[in-house]
């Protein structure tokens, strides 16, 4: 019963997913940061490549590294939405600034909400919950800012570049923290589970001794 309140769990290799998402964000972040051309066409091309690659990563790795079906479904949907948004952005990279705002806003709202919801579900497990909430809020905030700020391509593309920098900095820290904390959690799990398993064994001491 001690583990029952935690509705989700991540596998020992999940840290590599967070680091992988960060590595995918690094290249487009550098392209936007060091490129004077902050046109909508550049924004659509960079976003399309980023969303397609990060969505593919979530689809391919979610089933192996998320051990609860509900969480696998949430991140699978997020990955599919990212791939669709990325494909649309690349396919219509000449769609203009309005299309760039629309695609990124819808993508950010949907995927941000899914990650926030995933974090709320596992709020009693600080390690994944804190990371998912922080990333989800950042993605949802990007969508909101795209709707509120003046429609200026330079501002919009620069803001998306800042979001990519945020991912490139935060996700490696989150992923490596999960990796380093995993051995500690494995050591603490048997001791925390011992009192719950010891209670029923008192009713059948002979069976427990034979085990």
N, C-alpha and C. Protein backbone atom coordinates (compact mmCIF):
# COMPACT_ATOMS: atom_id res chain seq x y z
N UNK A 1 0.81 -1.21 0.00
CA UNK A 1 0.00 0.00 0.00
C UNK A 1 0.84 1.26 0.00
N UNK A 2 2.12 1.14 0.42
CA UNK A 2 2.96 2.34 0.48
C UNK A 2 3.21 2.91 -0.90
N UNK A 3 3.23 2.04 -1.93
CA UNK A 3 3.50 2.52 -3.28
C UNK A 3 2.23 2.86 -4.05
N UNK A 4 1.05 2.56 -3.47
CA UNK A 4 -0.20 2.74 -4.20
C UNK A 4 -0.50 4.18 -4.59
N UNK A 5 -0.19 5.21 -3.75
CA UNK A 5 -0.53 6.57 -4.14
C UNK A 5 0.22 7.07 -5.36
N UNK A 6 1.34 6.45 -5.72
CA UNK A 6 2.11 6.89 -6.88
C UNK A 6 1.58 6.23 -8.13
N UNK A 7 0.86 6.95 -9.00
CA UNK A 7 0.21 6.33 -10.14
C UNK A 7 1.12 6.10 -11.33
N UNK A 8 2.39 6.44 -11.22
CA UNK A 8 3.25 6.29 -12.39
C UNK A 8 4.67 5.96 -11.96
N UNK A 9 5.42 5.47 -12.90
CA UNK A 9 6.81 5.15 -12.65
C UNK A 9 7.57 5.28 -13.96
N UNK A 10 8.86 5.55 -13.87
CA UNK A 10 9.71 5.60 -15.05
C UNK A 10 10.78 4.54 -14.90
N UNK A 11 11.17 3.96 -16.03
CA UNK A 11 12.20 2.95 -16.01
C UNK A 11 13.57 3.55 -15.78
N UNK A 12 14.55 2.71 -15.50
CA UNK A 12 15.90 3.21 -15.21
C UNK A 12 16.56 3.94 -16.38
N UNK A 13 16.08 3.69 -17.60
CA UNK A 13 16.68 4.35 -18.75
C UNK A 13 15.97 5.61 -19.20
N UNK A 14 14.97 6.06 -18.42
CA UNK A 14 14.21 7.23 -18.85
C UNK A 14 15.07 8.49 -18.92
N UNK A 15 16.13 8.54 -18.12
CA UNK A 15 16.98 9.73 -18.14
C UNK A 15 17.51 10.01 -19.55
N UNK A 16 17.73 8.95 -20.33
CA UNK A 16 18.26 9.13 -21.69
C UNK A 16 17.23 9.80 -22.60
N UNK A 17 15.93 9.63 -22.30
CA UNK A 17 14.90 10.28 -23.09
C UNK A 17 14.97 11.79 -22.89
N UNK A 18 15.10 12.22 -21.63
CA UNK A 18 15.22 13.65 -21.34
C UNK A 18 16.47 14.25 -21.99
N UNK A 19 17.58 13.54 -21.89
CA UNK A 19 18.82 14.03 -22.51
C UNK A 19 18.68 14.05 -24.04
N UNK A 20 18.01 13.05 -24.59
CA UNK A 20 17.79 13.01 -26.03
C UNK A 20 16.95 14.18 -26.51
N UNK A 21 15.91 14.52 -25.76
CA UNK A 21 15.08 15.68 -26.12
C UNK A 21 15.91 16.96 -26.09
N UNK A 22 16.82 17.05 -25.13
CA UNK A 22 17.68 18.23 -25.05
C UNK A 22 18.62 18.31 -26.25
N UNK A 23 19.20 17.19 -26.63
CA UNK A 23 20.12 17.19 -27.77
C UNK A 23 19.40 17.57 -29.06
N UNK A 24 18.15 17.15 -29.19
CA UNK A 24 17.37 17.52 -30.37
C UNK A 24 17.13 19.02 -30.41
N UNK A 25 16.99 19.63 -29.22
CA UNK A 25 16.73 21.08 -29.15
C UNK A 25 17.97 21.92 -29.40
N UNK A 26 19.15 21.35 -29.21
CA UNK A 26 20.39 22.14 -29.28
C UNK A 26 20.62 22.72 -30.68
N UNK A 27 20.52 21.88 -31.70
CA UNK A 27 20.84 22.34 -33.06
C UNK A 27 19.90 23.45 -33.52
N UNK A 28 18.57 23.31 -33.43
CA UNK A 28 17.71 24.43 -33.84
C UNK A 28 17.89 25.67 -32.99
N UNK A 29 18.23 25.48 -31.70
CA UNK A 29 18.48 26.65 -30.85
C UNK A 29 19.70 27.43 -31.34
N UNK A 30 20.75 26.72 -31.74
CA UNK A 30 21.95 27.37 -32.27
C UNK A 30 21.64 28.05 -33.60
N UNK A 31 20.85 27.39 -34.45
CA UNK A 31 20.51 27.96 -35.76
C UNK A 31 19.78 29.29 -35.60
N UNK A 32 18.80 29.32 -34.71
CA UNK A 32 18.03 30.55 -34.52
C UNK A 32 18.88 31.63 -33.84
N UNK A 33 19.67 31.23 -32.85
CA UNK A 33 20.45 32.21 -32.09
C UNK A 33 21.47 32.91 -32.97
N UNK A 34 22.12 32.18 -33.87
CA UNK A 34 23.21 32.75 -34.64
C UNK A 34 22.81 33.06 -36.09
N UNK A 35 21.53 33.12 -36.34
CA UNK A 35 21.04 33.45 -37.68
C UNK A 35 20.31 34.78 -37.63
N UNK A 36 20.72 35.69 -38.48
CA UNK A 36 20.07 37.01 -38.51
C UNK A 36 18.69 36.94 -39.15
N UNK A 37 18.46 35.94 -39.95
CA UNK A 37 17.18 35.80 -40.64
C UNK A 37 16.17 35.13 -39.72
N UNK A 38 15.36 35.93 -39.04
CA UNK A 38 14.30 35.41 -38.18
C UNK A 38 12.96 35.47 -38.90
N UNK A 39 12.96 34.95 -40.11
CA UNK A 39 11.74 34.96 -40.91
C UNK A 39 10.83 33.82 -40.50
N UNK A 40 9.58 33.92 -40.92
CA UNK A 40 8.61 32.86 -40.63
C UNK A 40 9.02 31.55 -41.32
N UNK A 41 9.63 31.65 -42.50
CA UNK A 41 10.06 30.44 -43.21
C UNK A 41 11.13 29.70 -42.42
N UNK A 42 12.09 30.45 -41.85
CA UNK A 42 13.09 29.81 -41.01
C UNK A 42 12.43 29.20 -39.78
N UNK A 43 11.51 29.94 -39.16
CA UNK A 43 10.84 29.42 -37.98
C UNK A 43 10.09 28.14 -38.26
N UNK A 44 9.37 28.08 -39.37
CA UNK A 44 8.63 26.87 -39.72
C UNK A 44 9.57 25.70 -40.00
N UNK A 45 10.66 25.96 -40.68
CA UNK A 45 11.61 24.89 -41.00
C UNK A 45 12.26 24.34 -39.74
N UNK A 46 12.70 25.24 -38.86
CA UNK A 46 13.37 24.82 -37.63
C UNK A 46 12.39 24.12 -36.70
N UNK A 47 11.20 24.70 -36.54
CA UNK A 47 10.21 24.06 -35.69
C UNK A 47 9.81 22.70 -36.24
N UNK A 48 9.62 22.62 -37.54
CA UNK A 48 9.22 21.35 -38.15
C UNK A 48 10.22 20.25 -37.88
N UNK A 49 11.50 20.54 -38.07
CA UNK A 49 12.53 19.53 -37.82
C UNK A 49 12.59 19.15 -36.35
N UNK A 50 12.49 20.15 -35.46
CA UNK A 50 12.53 19.88 -34.02
C UNK A 50 11.34 19.05 -33.58
N UNK A 51 10.12 19.45 -33.98
CA UNK A 51 8.92 18.75 -33.54
C UNK A 51 8.87 17.33 -34.09
N UNK A 52 9.27 17.15 -35.33
CA UNK A 52 9.26 15.83 -35.94
C UNK A 52 10.24 14.90 -35.22
N UNK A 53 11.46 15.39 -34.95
CA UNK A 53 12.48 14.56 -34.30
C UNK A 53 12.11 14.25 -32.86
N UNK A 54 11.64 15.25 -32.11
CA UNK A 54 11.30 15.02 -30.71
C UNK A 54 10.06 14.13 -30.60
N UNK A 55 9.09 14.29 -31.51
CA UNK A 55 7.93 13.41 -31.49
C UNK A 55 8.30 11.97 -31.78
N UNK A 56 9.18 11.77 -32.75
CA UNK A 56 9.64 10.42 -33.08
C UNK A 56 10.36 9.80 -31.89
N UNK A 57 11.15 10.59 -31.18
CA UNK A 57 11.85 10.08 -30.00
C UNK A 57 10.85 9.60 -28.94
N UNK A 58 9.81 10.39 -28.67
CA UNK A 58 8.83 10.00 -27.67
C UNK A 58 8.08 8.74 -28.08
N UNK A 59 7.72 8.64 -29.35
CA UNK A 59 6.98 7.46 -29.83
C UNK A 59 7.83 6.20 -29.71
N UNK A 60 9.12 6.30 -30.05
CA UNK A 60 9.98 5.12 -30.06
C UNK A 60 10.45 4.70 -28.68
N UNK A 61 10.61 5.66 -27.76
CA UNK A 61 11.20 5.33 -26.46
C UNK A 61 10.20 5.27 -25.31
N UNK A 62 9.00 5.82 -25.52
CA UNK A 62 8.04 5.87 -24.41
C UNK A 62 7.65 4.51 -23.88
N UNK A 63 7.41 3.56 -24.77
CA UNK A 63 6.95 2.24 -24.33
C UNK A 63 8.00 1.52 -23.50
N UNK A 64 9.28 1.76 -23.79
CA UNK A 64 10.33 1.06 -23.05
C UNK A 64 10.63 1.70 -21.71
N UNK A 65 10.43 3.00 -21.59
CA UNK A 65 10.91 3.72 -20.40
C UNK A 65 9.80 4.21 -19.48
N UNK A 66 8.55 4.07 -19.87
CA UNK A 66 7.43 4.41 -19.00
C UNK A 66 6.70 3.13 -18.67
N UNK A 67 6.58 2.83 -17.38
CA UNK A 67 6.10 1.53 -16.96
C UNK A 67 4.60 1.49 -16.66
N UNK A 68 3.90 2.61 -16.78
CA UNK A 68 2.46 2.66 -16.55
C UNK A 68 1.77 2.99 -17.87
N UNK A 69 0.70 2.25 -18.16
CA UNK A 69 0.03 2.38 -19.46
C UNK A 69 -0.50 3.79 -19.70
N UNK A 70 -1.06 4.42 -18.66
CA UNK A 70 -1.63 5.77 -18.84
C UNK A 70 -0.56 6.76 -19.26
N UNK A 71 0.61 6.67 -18.65
CA UNK A 71 1.70 7.59 -19.01
C UNK A 71 2.23 7.30 -20.41
N UNK A 72 2.30 6.02 -20.76
CA UNK A 72 2.73 5.67 -22.12
C UNK A 72 1.77 6.27 -23.14
N UNK A 73 0.47 6.21 -22.84
CA UNK A 73 -0.53 6.76 -23.76
C UNK A 73 -0.39 8.27 -23.89
N UNK A 74 -0.18 8.97 -22.76
CA UNK A 74 -0.05 10.43 -22.79
C UNK A 74 1.14 10.86 -23.65
N UNK A 75 2.28 10.22 -23.45
CA UNK A 75 3.47 10.62 -24.20
C UNK A 75 3.43 10.10 -25.64
N UNK A 76 2.69 9.01 -25.87
CA UNK A 76 2.51 8.56 -27.25
C UNK A 76 1.68 9.57 -28.03
N UNK A 77 0.59 10.06 -27.41
CA UNK A 77 -0.23 11.08 -28.06
C UNK A 77 0.59 12.35 -28.29
N UNK A 78 1.38 12.73 -27.29
CA UNK A 78 2.22 13.92 -27.43
C UNK A 78 3.21 13.76 -28.58
N UNK A 79 3.79 12.57 -28.68
CA UNK A 79 4.73 12.32 -29.77
C UNK A 79 4.08 12.37 -31.13
N UNK A 80 2.88 11.79 -31.23
CA UNK A 80 2.16 11.80 -32.51
C UNK A 80 1.77 13.22 -32.91
N UNK A 81 1.27 14.00 -31.92
CA UNK A 81 0.92 15.40 -32.20
C UNK A 81 2.15 16.17 -32.67
N UNK A 82 3.29 15.94 -32.02
CA UNK A 82 4.52 16.63 -32.42
C UNK A 82 4.92 16.25 -33.84
N UNK A 83 4.80 14.97 -34.18
CA UNK A 83 5.17 14.54 -35.53
C UNK A 83 4.25 15.14 -36.58
N UNK A 84 2.95 15.21 -36.27
CA UNK A 84 2.01 15.81 -37.22
C UNK A 84 2.31 17.29 -37.40
N UNK A 85 2.51 17.99 -36.27
CA UNK A 85 2.81 19.43 -36.35
C UNK A 85 4.11 19.67 -37.10
N UNK A 86 5.13 18.85 -36.82
CA UNK A 86 6.39 19.00 -37.51
C UNK A 86 6.27 18.74 -38.99
N UNK A 87 5.51 17.70 -39.36
CA UNK A 87 5.30 17.41 -40.78
C UNK A 87 4.57 18.53 -41.50
N UNK A 88 3.55 19.11 -40.84
CA UNK A 88 2.83 20.23 -41.45
C UNK A 88 3.73 21.44 -41.62
N UNK A 89 4.55 21.72 -40.61
CA UNK A 89 5.44 22.88 -40.69
C UNK A 89 6.46 22.72 -41.81
N UNK A 90 7.00 21.52 -41.95
CA UNK A 90 7.98 21.29 -43.03
C UNK A 90 7.30 21.28 -44.40
N UNK A 91 6.12 20.69 -44.46
CA UNK A 91 5.41 20.61 -45.73
C UNK A 91 4.93 21.97 -46.22
N UNK A 92 4.62 22.87 -45.29
CA UNK A 92 4.13 24.21 -45.65
C UNK A 92 5.05 25.27 -45.05
N UNK A 93 6.36 25.09 -45.25
CA UNK A 93 7.33 26.01 -44.64
C UNK A 93 7.27 27.41 -45.25
N UNK A 94 6.54 27.55 -46.34
CA UNK A 94 6.34 28.89 -46.91
C UNK A 94 4.97 29.45 -46.56
N UNK A 95 4.36 28.90 -45.54
CA UNK A 95 3.00 29.30 -45.18
C UNK A 95 2.87 30.66 -44.54
N UNK A 96 3.98 31.27 -44.16
CA UNK A 96 3.93 32.62 -43.61
C UNK A 96 3.86 32.65 -42.09
N UNK A 97 3.90 33.87 -41.56
CA UNK A 97 3.97 34.06 -40.12
C UNK A 97 2.70 33.60 -39.41
N UNK A 98 1.55 33.84 -40.02
CA UNK A 98 0.29 33.41 -39.41
C UNK A 98 0.23 31.91 -39.23
N UNK A 99 0.70 31.18 -40.22
CA UNK A 99 0.71 29.72 -40.12
C UNK A 99 1.70 29.25 -39.06
N UNK A 100 2.85 29.93 -38.98
CA UNK A 100 3.84 29.60 -37.95
C UNK A 100 3.23 29.78 -36.56
N UNK A 101 2.55 30.91 -36.32
CA UNK A 101 1.91 31.15 -35.03
C UNK A 101 0.86 30.08 -34.73
N UNK A 102 0.08 29.73 -35.75
CA UNK A 102 -0.99 28.76 -35.54
C UNK A 102 -0.43 27.38 -35.18
N UNK A 103 0.52 26.89 -35.96
CA UNK A 103 1.06 25.54 -35.74
C UNK A 103 1.75 25.44 -34.38
N UNK A 104 2.60 26.41 -34.06
CA UNK A 104 3.32 26.34 -32.79
C UNK A 104 2.37 26.51 -31.60
N UNK A 105 1.37 27.38 -31.74
CA UNK A 105 0.43 27.60 -30.64
C UNK A 105 -0.39 26.34 -30.35
N UNK A 106 -0.91 25.71 -31.40
CA UNK A 106 -1.70 24.49 -31.20
C UNK A 106 -0.82 23.38 -30.64
N UNK A 107 0.37 23.22 -31.22
CA UNK A 107 1.29 22.20 -30.72
C UNK A 107 1.64 22.44 -29.26
N UNK A 108 1.99 23.68 -28.91
CA UNK A 108 2.37 23.99 -27.54
C UNK A 108 1.24 23.79 -26.56
N UNK A 109 0.02 24.16 -26.96
CA UNK A 109 -1.13 24.00 -26.06
C UNK A 109 -1.41 22.53 -25.79
N UNK A 110 -1.40 21.71 -26.85
CA UNK A 110 -1.74 20.29 -26.69
C UNK A 110 -0.65 19.54 -25.94
N UNK A 111 0.59 19.64 -26.41
CA UNK A 111 1.67 18.88 -25.78
C UNK A 111 2.00 19.42 -24.38
N UNK A 112 1.88 20.73 -24.20
CA UNK A 112 2.12 21.30 -22.88
C UNK A 112 1.10 20.80 -21.88
N UNK A 113 -0.19 20.78 -22.27
CA UNK A 113 -1.23 20.29 -21.37
C UNK A 113 -1.02 18.82 -21.03
N UNK A 114 -0.66 18.01 -22.03
CA UNK A 114 -0.44 16.58 -21.78
C UNK A 114 0.69 16.36 -20.79
N UNK A 115 1.77 17.13 -20.91
CA UNK A 115 2.90 16.95 -19.99
C UNK A 115 2.57 17.48 -18.60
N UNK A 116 1.82 18.57 -18.53
CA UNK A 116 1.38 19.07 -17.23
C UNK A 116 0.49 18.03 -16.54
N UNK A 117 -0.44 17.46 -17.29
CA UNK A 117 -1.33 16.46 -16.72
C UNK A 117 -0.55 15.23 -16.25
N UNK A 118 0.45 14.82 -17.05
CA UNK A 118 1.28 13.69 -16.64
C UNK A 118 2.01 14.00 -15.34
N UNK A 119 2.50 15.24 -15.20
CA UNK A 119 3.18 15.62 -13.96
C UNK A 119 2.25 15.66 -12.77
N UNK A 120 1.00 16.13 -12.98
CA UNK A 120 0.03 16.18 -11.88
C UNK A 120 -0.31 14.76 -11.43
N UNK A 121 -0.42 13.83 -12.36
CA UNK A 121 -0.74 12.45 -12.01
C UNK A 121 0.29 11.84 -11.09
N UNK A 122 1.55 12.21 -11.28
CA UNK A 122 2.62 11.59 -10.48
C UNK A 122 3.22 12.58 -9.50
N UNK A 123 2.39 13.51 -9.02
CA UNK A 123 2.91 14.59 -8.17
C UNK A 123 3.53 14.08 -6.87
N UNK A 124 3.20 12.85 -6.45
CA UNK A 124 3.80 12.30 -5.23
C UNK A 124 5.14 11.66 -5.49
N UNK A 125 5.56 11.64 -6.74
CA UNK A 125 6.91 11.17 -7.08
C UNK A 125 7.68 12.37 -7.61
N UNK A 126 8.45 13.06 -6.76
CA UNK A 126 9.03 14.35 -7.13
C UNK A 126 9.89 14.32 -8.39
N UNK A 127 10.63 13.23 -8.59
CA UNK A 127 11.61 13.23 -9.69
C UNK A 127 10.95 13.42 -11.06
N UNK A 128 10.04 12.53 -11.51
CA UNK A 128 9.46 12.80 -12.83
C UNK A 128 8.43 13.91 -12.81
N UNK A 129 7.68 14.04 -11.71
CA UNK A 129 6.58 15.03 -11.67
C UNK A 129 7.12 16.45 -11.84
N UNK A 130 8.16 16.78 -11.12
CA UNK A 130 8.71 18.13 -11.18
C UNK A 130 9.22 18.44 -12.59
N UNK A 131 9.87 17.48 -13.21
CA UNK A 131 10.43 17.70 -14.55
C UNK A 131 9.31 17.85 -15.58
N UNK A 132 8.31 16.97 -15.51
CA UNK A 132 7.21 17.04 -16.48
C UNK A 132 6.41 18.33 -16.31
N UNK A 133 6.16 18.71 -15.07
CA UNK A 133 5.41 19.95 -14.84
C UNK A 133 6.17 21.16 -15.38
N UNK A 134 7.46 21.23 -15.09
CA UNK A 134 8.26 22.38 -15.49
C UNK A 134 8.33 22.48 -17.01
N UNK A 135 8.57 21.35 -17.68
CA UNK A 135 8.64 21.37 -19.14
C UNK A 135 7.28 21.66 -19.75
N UNK A 136 6.22 21.06 -19.20
CA UNK A 136 4.88 21.29 -19.71
C UNK A 136 4.44 22.73 -19.56
N UNK A 137 4.74 23.32 -18.41
CA UNK A 137 4.39 24.73 -18.19
C UNK A 137 5.15 25.63 -19.17
N UNK A 138 6.42 25.32 -19.40
CA UNK A 138 7.21 26.10 -20.36
C UNK A 138 6.64 26.02 -21.77
N UNK A 139 6.19 24.82 -22.16
CA UNK A 139 5.62 24.64 -23.50
C UNK A 139 4.28 25.35 -23.63
N UNK A 140 3.44 25.22 -22.59
CA UNK A 140 2.14 25.90 -22.61
C UNK A 140 2.31 27.42 -22.59
N UNK A 141 3.32 27.90 -21.85
CA UNK A 141 3.58 29.34 -21.80
C UNK A 141 4.01 29.86 -23.17
N UNK A 142 4.78 29.06 -23.91
CA UNK A 142 5.16 29.45 -25.27
C UNK A 142 3.92 29.65 -26.14
N UNK A 143 2.98 28.70 -26.04
CA UNK A 143 1.74 28.82 -26.83
C UNK A 143 0.97 30.07 -26.43
N UNK A 144 0.90 30.35 -25.15
CA UNK A 144 0.15 31.52 -24.68
C UNK A 144 0.81 32.82 -25.14
N UNK A 145 2.13 32.88 -25.06
CA UNK A 145 2.84 34.09 -25.50
C UNK A 145 2.68 34.31 -27.00
N UNK A 146 2.63 33.23 -27.77
CA UNK A 146 2.42 33.37 -29.21
C UNK A 146 1.07 34.00 -29.52
N UNK A 147 0.10 33.75 -28.64
CA UNK A 147 -1.23 34.32 -28.84
C UNK A 147 -1.32 35.76 -28.36
N UNK A 148 -0.50 36.13 -27.36
CA UNK A 148 -0.63 37.44 -26.73
C UNK A 148 0.30 38.50 -27.31
N UNK A 149 1.49 38.08 -27.75
CA UNK A 149 2.47 39.05 -28.23
C UNK A 149 2.09 39.58 -29.61
N UNK A 150 2.60 40.76 -29.95
CA UNK A 150 2.32 41.32 -31.29
C UNK A 150 2.83 40.38 -32.38
N UNK A 151 2.10 40.27 -33.48
CA UNK A 151 2.50 39.36 -34.56
C UNK A 151 3.70 39.87 -35.33
N UNK A 152 4.88 39.63 -34.79
CA UNK A 152 6.13 40.06 -35.40
C UNK A 152 7.01 38.83 -35.60
N UNK A 153 7.41 38.51 -36.83
CA UNK A 153 8.20 37.29 -37.05
C UNK A 153 9.49 37.25 -36.25
N UNK A 154 10.17 38.37 -36.14
CA UNK A 154 11.43 38.40 -35.40
C UNK A 154 11.20 38.03 -33.93
N UNK A 155 10.15 38.58 -33.35
CA UNK A 155 9.83 38.28 -31.95
C UNK A 155 9.41 36.82 -31.79
N UNK A 156 8.56 36.35 -32.69
CA UNK A 156 8.04 34.98 -32.59
C UNK A 156 9.15 33.94 -32.74
N UNK A 157 9.96 34.08 -33.76
CA UNK A 157 11.03 33.12 -33.99
C UNK A 157 12.06 33.21 -32.87
N UNK A 158 12.38 34.42 -32.42
CA UNK A 158 13.31 34.57 -31.31
C UNK A 158 12.78 33.96 -30.03
N UNK A 159 11.48 34.08 -29.80
CA UNK A 159 10.87 33.47 -28.61
C UNK A 159 10.94 31.95 -28.68
N UNK A 160 10.70 31.40 -29.86
CA UNK A 160 10.82 29.95 -30.01
C UNK A 160 12.26 29.50 -29.79
N UNK A 161 13.22 30.30 -30.26
CA UNK A 161 14.62 29.98 -30.00
C UNK A 161 14.94 30.00 -28.52
N UNK A 162 14.36 30.96 -27.77
CA UNK A 162 14.58 31.00 -26.33
C UNK A 162 13.99 29.77 -25.65
N UNK A 163 12.85 29.31 -26.14
CA UNK A 163 12.24 28.09 -25.61
C UNK A 163 13.16 26.89 -25.84
N UNK A 164 13.76 26.80 -27.01
CA UNK A 164 14.68 25.71 -27.29
C UNK A 164 15.90 25.75 -26.38
N UNK A 165 16.39 26.95 -26.09
CA UNK A 165 17.52 27.08 -25.16
C UNK A 165 17.12 26.59 -23.78
N UNK A 166 15.89 26.93 -23.36
CA UNK A 166 15.38 26.45 -22.07
C UNK A 166 15.40 24.92 -22.02
N UNK A 167 14.93 24.26 -23.09
CA UNK A 167 14.94 22.80 -23.12
C UNK A 167 16.37 22.26 -23.09
N UNK A 168 17.25 22.89 -23.86
CA UNK A 168 18.62 22.41 -23.96
C UNK A 168 19.36 22.54 -22.64
N UNK A 169 18.95 23.46 -21.79
CA UNK A 169 19.61 23.65 -20.49
C UNK A 169 18.93 22.81 -19.40
N UNK A 170 17.61 22.82 -19.38
CA UNK A 170 16.89 22.17 -18.27
C UNK A 170 16.85 20.65 -18.39
N UNK A 171 16.57 20.13 -19.58
CA UNK A 171 16.37 18.69 -19.72
C UNK A 171 17.60 17.84 -19.39
N UNK A 172 18.83 18.25 -19.76
CA UNK A 172 19.98 17.44 -19.33
C UNK A 172 20.12 17.38 -17.81
N UNK A 173 19.85 18.50 -17.14
CA UNK A 173 19.91 18.51 -15.68
C UNK A 173 18.88 17.55 -15.11
N UNK A 174 17.66 17.61 -15.65
CA UNK A 174 16.60 16.73 -15.18
C UNK A 174 16.94 15.26 -15.45
N UNK A 175 17.43 14.98 -16.65
CA UNK A 175 17.74 13.60 -17.00
C UNK A 175 18.87 13.02 -16.18
N UNK A 176 19.95 13.78 -16.01
CA UNK A 176 21.08 13.28 -15.23
C UNK A 176 20.73 13.16 -13.75
N UNK A 177 19.86 14.03 -13.27
CA UNK A 177 19.41 13.90 -11.88
C UNK A 177 18.65 12.60 -11.68
N UNK A 178 17.81 12.24 -12.65
CA UNK A 178 17.10 10.96 -12.57
C UNK A 178 18.08 9.79 -12.59
N UNK A 179 19.10 9.88 -13.43
CA UNK A 179 20.08 8.80 -13.52
C UNK A 179 20.83 8.63 -12.21
N UNK A 180 21.25 9.74 -11.61
CA UNK A 180 22.02 9.66 -10.37
C UNK A 180 21.16 9.28 -9.17
N UNK A 181 19.87 9.60 -9.23
CA UNK A 181 18.98 9.28 -8.11
C UNK A 181 18.45 7.85 -8.17
N UNK A 182 18.53 7.22 -9.33
CA UNK A 182 17.96 5.89 -9.49
C UNK A 182 18.58 4.86 -8.54
N UNK A 183 19.92 4.76 -8.40
CA UNK A 183 20.48 3.78 -7.45
C UNK A 183 20.05 4.04 -6.02
N UNK A 184 19.93 5.31 -5.65
CA UNK A 184 19.50 5.66 -4.30
C UNK A 184 18.07 5.20 -4.05
N UNK A 185 17.20 5.36 -5.05
CA UNK A 185 15.81 4.94 -4.90
C UNK A 185 15.70 3.43 -4.82
N UNK A 186 16.55 2.70 -5.57
CA UNK A 186 16.50 1.25 -5.51
C UNK A 186 16.93 0.75 -4.14
N UNK A 187 17.91 1.43 -3.53
CA UNK A 187 18.34 1.03 -2.20
C UNK A 187 17.27 1.30 -1.16
N UNK A 188 16.53 2.40 -1.33
CA UNK A 188 15.53 2.77 -0.33
C UNK A 188 14.23 2.01 -0.50
N UNK A 189 13.96 1.45 -1.70
CA UNK A 189 12.68 0.78 -1.93
C UNK A 189 12.49 -0.47 -1.07
N UNK A 190 13.48 -1.40 -0.93
CA UNK A 190 13.27 -2.57 -0.09
C UNK A 190 13.00 -2.22 1.36
N UNK A 191 13.70 -1.20 1.88
CA UNK A 191 13.50 -0.84 3.28
C UNK A 191 12.14 -0.25 3.52
N UNK A 192 11.63 0.53 2.52
CA UNK A 192 10.31 1.11 2.69
C UNK A 192 9.22 0.08 2.52
N UNK A 193 9.51 -0.97 1.72
CA UNK A 193 8.50 -1.98 1.49
C UNK A 193 8.48 -3.05 2.56
N UNK A 194 9.56 -3.14 3.36
CA UNK A 194 9.67 -4.19 4.36
C UNK A 194 8.55 -4.19 5.36
N UNK A 195 8.14 -3.03 5.96
CA UNK A 195 7.07 -3.06 6.95
C UNK A 195 5.76 -3.56 6.36
N UNK A 196 5.46 -3.22 5.10
CA UNK A 196 4.19 -3.64 4.52
C UNK A 196 4.18 -5.13 4.23
N UNK A 197 5.35 -5.70 3.84
CA UNK A 197 5.39 -7.12 3.54
C UNK A 197 5.50 -7.95 4.80
N UNK A 198 6.01 -7.32 5.88
CA UNK A 198 6.18 -8.08 7.11
C UNK A 198 4.86 -8.33 7.80
N UNK A 199 3.86 -7.45 7.63
CA UNK A 199 2.60 -7.58 8.35
C UNK A 199 1.86 -8.86 8.00
N UNK A 200 1.64 -9.17 6.70
CA UNK A 200 0.91 -10.39 6.40
C UNK A 200 1.66 -11.66 6.73
N UNK A 201 3.03 -11.61 6.78
CA UNK A 201 3.79 -12.84 7.03
C UNK A 201 3.59 -13.32 8.45
N UNK A 202 3.15 -12.46 9.35
CA UNK A 202 2.95 -12.88 10.74
C UNK A 202 1.79 -13.86 10.85
N UNK A 203 0.86 -13.80 9.89
CA UNK A 203 -0.29 -14.70 9.94
C UNK A 203 0.06 -16.09 9.44
N UNK A 204 1.16 -16.20 8.67
CA UNK A 204 1.56 -17.51 8.17
C UNK A 204 3.06 -17.65 8.24
N UNK A 205 3.61 -17.78 9.41
CA UNK A 205 5.07 -17.78 9.57
C UNK A 205 5.74 -18.95 8.86
N UNK A 206 5.05 -20.10 8.78
CA UNK A 206 5.68 -21.27 8.15
C UNK A 206 5.90 -21.05 6.66
N UNK A 207 4.87 -20.40 5.99
CA UNK A 207 5.01 -20.15 4.56
C UNK A 207 6.12 -19.17 4.29
N UNK A 208 6.23 -18.14 5.13
CA UNK A 208 7.28 -17.16 4.89
C UNK A 208 8.65 -17.75 5.14
N UNK A 209 8.74 -18.65 6.11
CA UNK A 209 10.04 -19.26 6.36
C UNK A 209 10.48 -20.15 5.19
N UNK A 210 9.48 -20.82 4.59
CA UNK A 210 9.85 -21.69 3.47
C UNK A 210 10.30 -20.91 2.27
N UNK A 211 9.75 -19.65 2.13
CA UNK A 211 10.20 -18.80 1.04
C UNK A 211 11.58 -18.28 1.34
